[in-house]
């Protein structure tokens, strides 16, 4: 199933089965993200030192 990883400041675009998405974080913080294709599919990334 295709998904997206959509942050407030960055969007992965469609991530198809077998593909991956990577993002590097440069500072500690919490960022919420969701899948714009599937309502209710959301989470938070917690970046620590």
PDB file of N, CA and C in Angstrom:
ATOM      1  N   UNK A   1       0.827  -1.164   0.000  1.00  0.00           N
ATOM      2  CA  UNK A   1       0.000   0.000   0.000  1.00  0.00           C
ATOM      3  C   UNK A   1       0.885   1.247   0.000  1.00  0.00           C
ATOM      4  N   UNK A   2       0.571   2.220  -0.770  1.00  0.00           N
ATOM      5  CA  UNK A   2       1.311   3.477  -0.830  1.00  0.00           C
ATOM      6  C   UNK A   2       0.977   4.334   0.388  1.00  0.00           C
ATOM      7  N   UNK A   3       1.992   5.035   0.922  1.00  0.00           N
ATOM      8  CA  UNK A   3       1.834   5.943   2.054  1.00  0.00           C
ATOM      9  C   UNK A   3       2.592   7.230   1.765  1.00  0.00           C
ATOM     10  N   UNK A   4       2.401   8.226   2.622  1.00  0.00           N
ATOM     11  CA  UNK A   4       3.253   9.411   2.631  1.00  0.00           C
ATOM     12  C   UNK A   4       3.759   9.614   4.053  1.00  0.00           C
ATOM     13  N   UNK A   5       4.850  10.345   4.179  1.00  0.00           N
ATOM     14  CA  UNK A   5       5.357  10.774   5.479  1.00  0.00           C
ATOM     15  C   UNK A   5       5.367  12.299   5.396  1.00  0.00           C
ATOM     16  N   UNK A   6       4.339  12.914   5.952  1.00  0.00           N
ATOM     17  CA  UNK A   6       4.142  14.343   5.771  1.00  0.00           C
ATOM     18  C   UNK A   6       4.312  15.087   7.092  1.00  0.00           C
ATOM     19  N   UNK A   7       5.436  15.822   7.191  1.00  0.00           N
ATOM     20  CA  UNK A   7       5.708  16.699   8.313  1.00  0.00           C
ATOM     21  C   UNK A   7       5.199  18.095   7.942  1.00  0.00           C
ATOM     22  N   UNK A   8       5.163  18.994   8.913  1.00  0.00           N
ATOM     23  CA  UNK A   8       4.766  20.372   8.633  1.00  0.00           C
ATOM     24  C   UNK A   8       5.704  21.025   7.620  1.00  0.00           C
ATOM     25  N   UNK A   9       6.996  20.668   7.671  1.00  0.00           N
ATOM     26  CA  UNK A   9       7.991  21.331   6.828  1.00  0.00           C
ATOM     27  C   UNK A   9       8.587  20.441   5.727  1.00  0.00           C
ATOM     28  N   UNK A  10       8.089  19.216   5.564  1.00  0.00           N
ATOM     29  CA  UNK A  10       8.652  18.319   4.547  1.00  0.00           C
ATOM     30  C   UNK A  10       7.660  17.203   4.247  1.00  0.00           C
ATOM     31  N   UNK A  11       7.610  16.822   2.984  1.00  0.00           N
ATOM     32  CA  UNK A  11       6.695  15.763   2.541  1.00  0.00           C
ATOM     33  C   UNK A  11       7.488  14.758   1.713  1.00  0.00           C
ATOM     34  N   UNK A  12       7.321  13.496   2.022  1.00  0.00           N
ATOM     35  CA  UNK A  12       8.049  12.445   1.309  1.00  0.00           C
ATOM     36  C   UNK A  12       7.539  12.220  -0.101  1.00  0.00           C
ATOM     37  N   UNK A  13       6.330  12.680  -0.398  1.00  0.00           N
ATOM     38  CA  UNK A  13       5.673  12.252  -1.625  1.00  0.00           C
ATOM     39  C   UNK A  13       5.219  10.819  -1.417  1.00  0.00           C
ATOM     40  N   UNK A  14       4.748  10.184  -2.453  1.00  0.00           N
ATOM     41  CA  UNK A  14       4.281   8.797  -2.317  1.00  0.00           C
ATOM     42  C   UNK A  14       5.438   7.847  -2.071  1.00  0.00           C
ATOM     43  N   UNK A  15       5.285   6.985  -1.084  1.00  0.00           N
ATOM     44  CA  UNK A  15       6.255   5.927  -0.786  1.00  0.00           C
ATOM     45  C   UNK A  15       5.545   4.610  -1.094  1.00  0.00           C
ATOM     46  N   UNK A  16       5.921   4.009  -2.191  1.00  0.00           N
ATOM     47  CA  UNK A  16       5.281   2.780  -2.643  1.00  0.00           C
ATOM     48  C   UNK A  16       5.852   1.557  -1.925  1.00  0.00           C
ATOM     49  N   UNK A  17       5.136   0.442  -1.938  1.00  0.00           N
ATOM     50  CA  UNK A  17       5.636  -0.785  -1.309  1.00  0.00           C
ATOM     51  C   UNK A  17       7.057  -1.107  -1.800  1.00  0.00           C
ATOM     52  N   UNK A  18       7.929  -1.437  -0.855  1.00  0.00           N
ATOM     53  CA  UNK A  18       9.319  -1.759  -1.173  1.00  0.00           C
ATOM     54  C   UNK A  18      10.235  -0.553  -1.190  1.00  0.00           C
ATOM     55  N   UNK A  19       9.682   0.665  -1.199  1.00  0.00           N
ATOM     56  CA  UNK A  19      10.488   1.884  -1.160  1.00  0.00           C
ATOM     57  C   UNK A  19      10.668   2.335   0.285  1.00  0.00           C
ATOM     58  N   UNK A  20      11.631   3.219   0.500  1.00  0.00           N
ATOM     59  CA  UNK A  20      11.860   3.780   1.829  1.00  0.00           C
ATOM     60  C   UNK A  20      11.919   5.299   1.740  1.00  0.00           C
ATOM     61  N   UNK A  21      11.804   5.937   2.878  1.00  0.00           N
ATOM     62  CA  UNK A  21      11.937   7.387   3.009  1.00  0.00           C
ATOM     63  C   UNK A  21      12.850   7.632   4.200  1.00  0.00           C
ATOM     64  N   UNK A  22      13.808   8.524   4.059  1.00  0.00           N
ATOM     65  CA  UNK A  22      14.727   8.844   5.154  1.00  0.00           C
ATOM     66  C   UNK A  22      14.817  10.352   5.312  1.00  0.00           C
ATOM     67  N   UNK A  23      14.992  10.767   6.538  1.00  0.00           N
ATOM     68  CA  UNK A  23      15.173  12.180   6.845  1.00  0.00           C
ATOM     69  C   UNK A  23      16.192  12.282   7.964  1.00  0.00           C
ATOM     70  N   UNK A  24      17.083  13.264   7.879  1.00  0.00           N
ATOM     71  CA  UNK A  24      18.074  13.511   8.922  1.00  0.00           C
ATOM     72  C   UNK A  24      17.618  14.703   9.754  1.00  0.00           C
ATOM     73  N   UNK A  25      17.668  14.550  11.065  1.00  0.00           N
ATOM     74  CA  UNK A  25      17.283  15.620  11.976  1.00  0.00           C
ATOM     75  C   UNK A  25      18.542  16.213  12.578  1.00  0.00           C
ATOM     76  N   UNK A  26      18.603  17.544  12.670  1.00  0.00           N
ATOM     77  CA  UNK A  26      19.825  18.208  13.112  1.00  0.00           C
ATOM     78  C   UNK A  26      19.774  18.762  14.530  1.00  0.00           C
ATOM     79  N   UNK A  27      18.640  18.610  15.196  1.00  0.00           N
ATOM     80  CA  UNK A  27      18.524  19.121  16.562  1.00  0.00           C
ATOM     81  C   UNK A  27      17.432  18.349  17.302  1.00  0.00           C
ATOM     82  N   UNK A  28      17.559  18.252  18.622  1.00  0.00           N
ATOM     83  CA  UNK A  28      16.523  17.595  19.405  1.00  0.00           C
ATOM     84  C   UNK A  28      15.194  18.341  19.290  1.00  0.00           C
ATOM     85  N   UNK A  29      14.127  17.586  19.110  1.00  0.00           N
ATOM     86  CA  UNK A  29      12.778  18.160  19.050  1.00  0.00           C
ATOM     87  C   UNK A  29      11.768  17.055  18.818  1.00  0.00           C
ATOM     88  N   UNK A  30      10.515  17.406  18.888  1.00  0.00           N
ATOM     89  CA  UNK A  30       9.441  16.471  18.550  1.00  0.00           C
ATOM     90  C   UNK A  30       8.742  16.980  17.302  1.00  0.00           C
ATOM     91  N   UNK A  31       8.478  16.069  16.373  1.00  0.00           N
ATOM     92  CA  UNK A  31       7.818  16.438  15.129  1.00  0.00           C
ATOM     93  C   UNK A  31       6.678  15.476  14.851  1.00  0.00           C
ATOM     94  N   UNK A  32       5.516  16.016  14.635  1.00  0.00           N
ATOM     95  CA  UNK A  32       4.363  15.190  14.267  1.00  0.00           C
ATOM     96  C   UNK A  32       4.378  14.983  12.753  1.00  0.00           C
ATOM     97  N   UNK A  33       3.901  13.823  12.327  1.00  0.00           N
ATOM     98  CA  UNK A  33       3.758  13.562  10.896  1.00  0.00           C
ATOM     99  C   UNK A  33       2.537  12.690  10.674  1.00  0.00           C
ATOM    100  N   UNK A  34       2.082  12.670   9.430  1.00  0.00           N
ATOM    101  CA  UNK A  34       0.948  11.814   9.106  1.00  0.00           C
ATOM    102  C   UNK A  34       1.050  11.316   7.677  1.00  0.00           C
ATOM    103  N   UNK A  35       0.159  10.411   7.352  1.00  0.00           N
ATOM    104  CA  UNK A  35       0.025   9.903   5.995  1.00  0.00           C
ATOM    105  C   UNK A  35      -1.171  10.628   5.387  1.00  0.00           C
ATOM    106  N   UNK A  36      -0.946  11.386   4.327  1.00  0.00           N
ATOM    107  CA  UNK A  36      -2.037  12.153   3.732  1.00  0.00           C
ATOM    108  C   UNK A  36      -3.009  11.275   2.951  1.00  0.00           C
ATOM    109  N   UNK A  37      -2.655  10.031   2.721  1.00  0.00           N
ATOM    110  CA  UNK A  37      -3.527   9.099   2.005  1.00  0.00           C
ATOM    111  C   UNK A  37      -4.501   8.421   2.961  1.00  0.00           C
ATOM    112  N   UNK A  38      -4.054   8.142   4.183  1.00  0.00           N
ATOM    113  CA  UNK A  38      -4.847   7.376   5.144  1.00  0.00           C
ATOM    114  C   UNK A  38      -5.177   8.215   6.372  1.00  0.00           C
ATOM    115  N   UNK A  39      -6.418   8.627   6.488  1.00  0.00           N
ATOM    116  CA  UNK A  39      -6.859   9.423   7.633  1.00  0.00           C
ATOM    117  C   UNK A  39      -6.612   8.658   8.935  1.00  0.00           C
ATOM    118  N   UNK A  40      -6.111   9.362   9.933  1.00  0.00           N
ATOM    119  CA  UNK A  40      -5.875   8.752  11.234  1.00  0.00           C
ATOM    120  C   UNK A  40      -4.541   8.053  11.368  1.00  0.00           C
ATOM    121  N   UNK A  41      -3.751   7.968  10.308  1.00  0.00           N
ATOM    122  CA  UNK A  41      -2.432   7.347  10.391  1.00  0.00           C
ATOM    123  C   UNK A  41      -1.428   8.467  10.663  1.00  0.00           C
ATOM    124  N   UNK A  42      -1.082   8.640  11.949  1.00  0.00           N
ATOM    125  CA  UNK A  42      -0.183   9.707  12.336  1.00  0.00           C
ATOM    126  C   UNK A  42       0.673   9.257  13.511  1.00  0.00           C
ATOM    127  N   UNK A  43       1.769   9.978  13.714  1.00  0.00           N
ATOM    128  CA  UNK A  43       2.709   9.638  14.782  1.00  0.00           C
ATOM    129  C   UNK A  43       3.584  10.851  15.084  1.00  0.00           C
ATOM    130  N   UNK A  44       4.469  10.679  16.048  1.00  0.00           N
ATOM    131  CA  UNK A  44       5.419  11.733  16.413  1.00  0.00           C
ATOM    132  C   UNK A  44       6.816  11.120  16.458  1.00  0.00           C
ATOM    133  N   UNK A  45       7.773  11.857  15.915  1.00  0.00           N
ATOM    134  CA  UNK A  45       9.194  11.490  16.008  1.00  0.00           C
ATOM    135  C   UNK A  45       9.791  12.318  17.138  1.00  0.00           C
ATOM    136  N   UNK A  46      10.488  11.656  18.055  1.00  0.00           N
ATOM    137  CA  UNK A  46      11.192  12.353  19.124  1.00  0.00           C
ATOM    138  C   UNK A  46      12.680  12.229  18.866  1.00  0.00           C
ATOM    139  N   UNK A  47      13.320  13.358  18.630  1.00  0.00           N
ATOM    140  CA  UNK A  47      14.763  13.396  18.337  1.00  0.00           C
ATOM    141  C   UNK A  47      15.476  13.813  19.608  1.00  0.00           C
ATOM    142  N   UNK A  48      16.442  12.995  20.049  1.00  0.00           N
ATOM    143  CA  UNK A  48      17.211  13.309  21.256  1.00  0.00           C
ATOM    144  C   UNK A  48      18.684  13.450  20.893  1.00  0.00           C
ATOM    145  N   UNK A  49      19.450  14.027  21.821  1.00  0.00           N
ATOM    146  CA  UNK A  49      20.904  14.159  21.608  1.00  0.00           C
ATOM    147  C   UNK A  49      21.543  12.802  21.558  1.00  0.00           C
TER     148      UNK A  49
END
